[in-house]
Amino acid sequence: MNRIALGAILALVLTGVGLFWWQGRAEVERGAPPPLPLETAEFADELELPHAVVGDLLGPEPPQATELTREQRRFFRYDRDRDLRITRNEMLSSRTDAFRKLDIDGNNLLTFEEWAVATVDRFEGADTDGNDWLTPTEFATTRPRLRSTPACRC
């Protein structure tokens, strides 16, 4: 019973404080002077927009869009920092879609270790010179094989 009474008293006190605060702010707003008209303001000339003659000026050229080949687009999907090298971390970070294909033991559960081993093996197989990064030529060997049969059985 004491909690209910204390809660009711506290609610009334907070409501009263809120009303006094609200009324106090209203009085401050009511006592503020009205804004000066733009003609009589000291800074009326500053509000005008500047004029410039741009007849002979040229801006910078827009960047040229380059057409990438399909293999270059696939390479840059993995090469996040665009240094023309795919590190092991870059290769592993974008391979999350292949989890279901990598279930080696067939238990419909794919552990990170199963996935990482297959991806690292693929990376090491493509890294022919063993320098822990893939060049565009080395990366081209990781291209998925094309299907010989159509995906749909219409």
Protein backbone atom coordinates (compact mmCIF):
# COMPACT_ATOMS: atom_id res chain seq x y z
CA MET A 1 0.00 0.00 0.00
CA ASN A 2 2.88 2.33 0.80
CA ARG A 3 4.37 1.78 -2.65
CA ILE A 4 1.14 2.80 -4.37
CA ALA A 5 0.80 5.96 -2.29
CA LEU A 6 4.45 6.86 -2.80
CA GLY A 7 4.11 6.29 -6.56
CA ALA A 8 1.00 8.49 -6.73
CA ILE A 9 2.70 11.31 -4.80
CA LEU A 10 5.81 11.05 -6.98
CA ALA A 11 3.68 11.16 -10.16
CA LEU A 12 1.89 14.32 -8.92
CA VAL A 13 5.21 15.99 -8.03
CA LEU A 14 6.71 15.18 -11.44
CA THR A 15 3.57 16.46 -13.19
CA GLY A 16 3.73 19.71 -11.22
CA VAL A 17 7.43 20.20 -11.97
CA GLY A 18 6.77 19.55 -15.66
CA LEU A 19 3.94 22.09 -15.73
CA PHE A 20 6.06 24.77 -14.02
CA TRP A 21 8.96 24.11 -16.38
CA TRP A 22 6.65 24.26 -19.41
CA GLN A 23 5.05 27.51 -18.24
CA GLY A 24 8.44 28.99 -17.47
CA ARG A 25 9.66 28.31 -21.00
CA ALA A 26 6.47 29.83 -22.40
CA GLU A 27 7.12 33.04 -20.46
CA VAL A 28 10.64 33.29 -21.82
CA GLU A 29 9.36 32.87 -25.38
CA ARG A 30 6.60 35.42 -24.85
CA GLY A 31 9.10 38.01 -23.55
CA ALA A 32 11.52 37.63 -26.48
CA PRO A 33 11.63 40.59 -28.88
CA PRO A 34 10.26 40.04 -32.40
CA PRO A 35 12.79 39.62 -35.22
CA LEU A 36 13.77 42.73 -37.14
CA PRO A 37 12.43 43.13 -40.68
CA LEU A 38 14.99 42.32 -43.37
CA GLU A 39 15.06 45.91 -44.66
CA THR A 40 16.15 47.36 -41.34
CA ALA A 41 18.51 44.61 -40.30
CA GLU A 42 22.22 45.44 -40.21
CA PHE A 43 23.14 42.39 -42.26
CA ALA A 44 20.51 42.70 -45.01
CA ASP A 45 23.20 43.14 -47.67
CA GLU A 46 24.88 39.89 -46.54
CA LEU A 47 21.76 37.89 -47.41
CA GLU A 48 22.10 38.53 -51.13
CA LEU A 49 23.68 35.78 -53.16
CA PRO A 50 27.06 36.53 -54.74
CA HIS A 51 27.29 36.80 -58.52
CA ALA A 52 30.08 35.28 -60.59
CA VAL A 53 30.86 35.25 -64.28
CA VAL A 54 31.68 31.69 -65.27
CA GLY A 55 31.90 32.11 -69.02
CA ASP A 56 35.50 30.85 -69.49
CA LEU A 57 35.82 28.59 -66.44
CA LEU A 58 35.99 24.81 -66.79
CA GLY A 59 35.52 22.32 -64.02
CA PRO A 60 37.43 19.08 -63.61
CA GLU A 61 36.72 16.26 -66.05
CA PRO A 62 34.41 13.56 -64.72
CA PRO A 63 36.09 10.22 -64.09
CA GLN A 64 36.02 7.76 -66.96
CA ALA A 65 34.16 4.53 -66.37
CA THR A 66 36.11 1.50 -67.43
CA GLU A 67 34.49 -1.69 -68.61
CA LEU A 68 35.77 -4.65 -66.61
CA THR A 69 35.79 -8.18 -67.91
CA ARG A 70 33.81 -10.83 -66.12
CA GLU A 71 36.98 -12.28 -64.60
CA GLN A 72 38.16 -8.85 -63.40
CA ARG A 73 34.81 -8.23 -61.69
CA ARG A 74 35.04 -11.63 -59.99
CA PHE A 75 38.62 -10.85 -58.91
CA PHE A 76 37.64 -7.47 -57.42
CA ARG A 77 34.77 -9.07 -55.48
CA TYR A 78 37.47 -10.76 -53.41
CA ASP A 79 40.17 -8.07 -53.57
CA ARG A 80 38.62 -5.63 -51.10
CA ASP A 81 41.54 -3.18 -50.87
CA ARG A 82 42.15 -3.10 -54.65
CA ASP A 83 45.88 -3.81 -54.42
CA LEU A 84 45.67 -6.53 -57.12
CA ARG A 85 46.46 -9.15 -54.49
CA ILE A 86 44.02 -11.44 -52.71
CA THR A 87 45.19 -12.33 -49.23
CA ARG A 88 44.01 -15.40 -47.37
CA ASN A 89 41.80 -13.22 -45.15
CA GLU A 90 40.14 -11.61 -48.19
CA MET A 91 39.48 -15.01 -49.73
CA LEU A 92 38.06 -16.47 -46.52
CA SER A 93 35.87 -13.47 -45.72
CA SER A 94 33.80 -13.71 -48.89
CA ARG A 95 33.29 -17.47 -49.02
CA THR A 96 30.39 -17.72 -46.58
CA ASP A 97 27.91 -18.71 -49.31
CA ALA A 98 29.75 -21.99 -49.90
CA PHE A 99 29.07 -23.47 -46.45
CA ARG A 100 26.36 -25.88 -47.62
CA LYS A 101 28.50 -27.26 -50.44
CA LEU A 102 31.37 -28.09 -48.09
CA ASP A 103 29.69 -30.52 -45.69
CA ILE A 104 32.28 -33.31 -45.89
CA ASP A 105 30.77 -35.77 -43.41
CA GLY A 106 27.20 -35.31 -44.69
CA ASN A 107 25.61 -34.61 -41.30
CA ASN A 108 23.97 -31.35 -42.46
CA LEU A 109 26.19 -29.48 -40.00
CA LEU A 110 29.12 -27.49 -41.29
CA THR A 111 31.73 -26.45 -38.80
CA PHE A 112 34.01 -23.54 -39.45
CA GLU A 113 36.97 -25.90 -39.49
CA GLU A 114 35.46 -27.95 -42.37
CA TRP A 115 34.84 -24.81 -44.35
CA ALA A 116 38.21 -23.19 -43.60
CA VAL A 117 40.18 -26.31 -44.52
CA ALA A 118 38.51 -26.55 -47.92
CA THR A 119 38.95 -22.82 -48.60
CA VAL A 120 42.58 -22.77 -47.47
CA ASP A 121 43.27 -25.83 -49.64
CA ARG A 122 41.70 -24.06 -52.61
CA PHE A 123 43.72 -20.91 -51.89
CA GLU A 124 46.98 -22.84 -51.53
CA GLY A 125 46.25 -24.77 -54.72
CA ALA A 126 45.82 -21.51 -56.63
CA ASP A 127 48.88 -19.86 -55.05
CA THR A 128 51.42 -21.55 -57.33
CA ASP A 129 54.42 -19.46 -56.29
CA GLY A 130 53.69 -19.80 -52.53
CA ASN A 131 53.86 -16.09 -51.63
CA ASP A 132 50.51 -16.08 -49.71
CA TRP A 133 48.69 -13.82 -52.18
CA LEU A 134 47.00 -14.40 -55.51
CA THR A 135 47.74 -12.47 -58.66
CA PRO A 136 44.93 -12.06 -61.22
CA THR A 137 46.41 -14.94 -63.26
CA GLU A 138 46.52 -17.25 -60.23
CA PHE A 139 43.03 -16.22 -59.20
CA ALA A 140 41.69 -17.10 -62.66
CA THR A 141 42.41 -20.78 -61.87
CA THR A 142 39.81 -20.67 -59.06
CA ARG A 143 36.96 -19.88 -61.46
CA PRO A 144 33.95 -22.15 -60.91
CA ARG A 145 33.45 -24.84 -63.51
CA LEU A 146 30.59 -24.31 -65.95
CA ARG A 147 27.68 -26.70 -65.69
CA SER A 148 27.33 -29.09 -68.57
CA THR A 149 23.61 -29.63 -67.87
CA PRO A 150 21.03 -26.88 -67.37
CA ALA A 151 20.00 -26.09 -63.80
CA CYS A 152 16.28 -26.45 -64.44
CA ARG A 153 14.53 -29.65 -65.50
CA CYS A 154 11.70 -28.16 -67.49
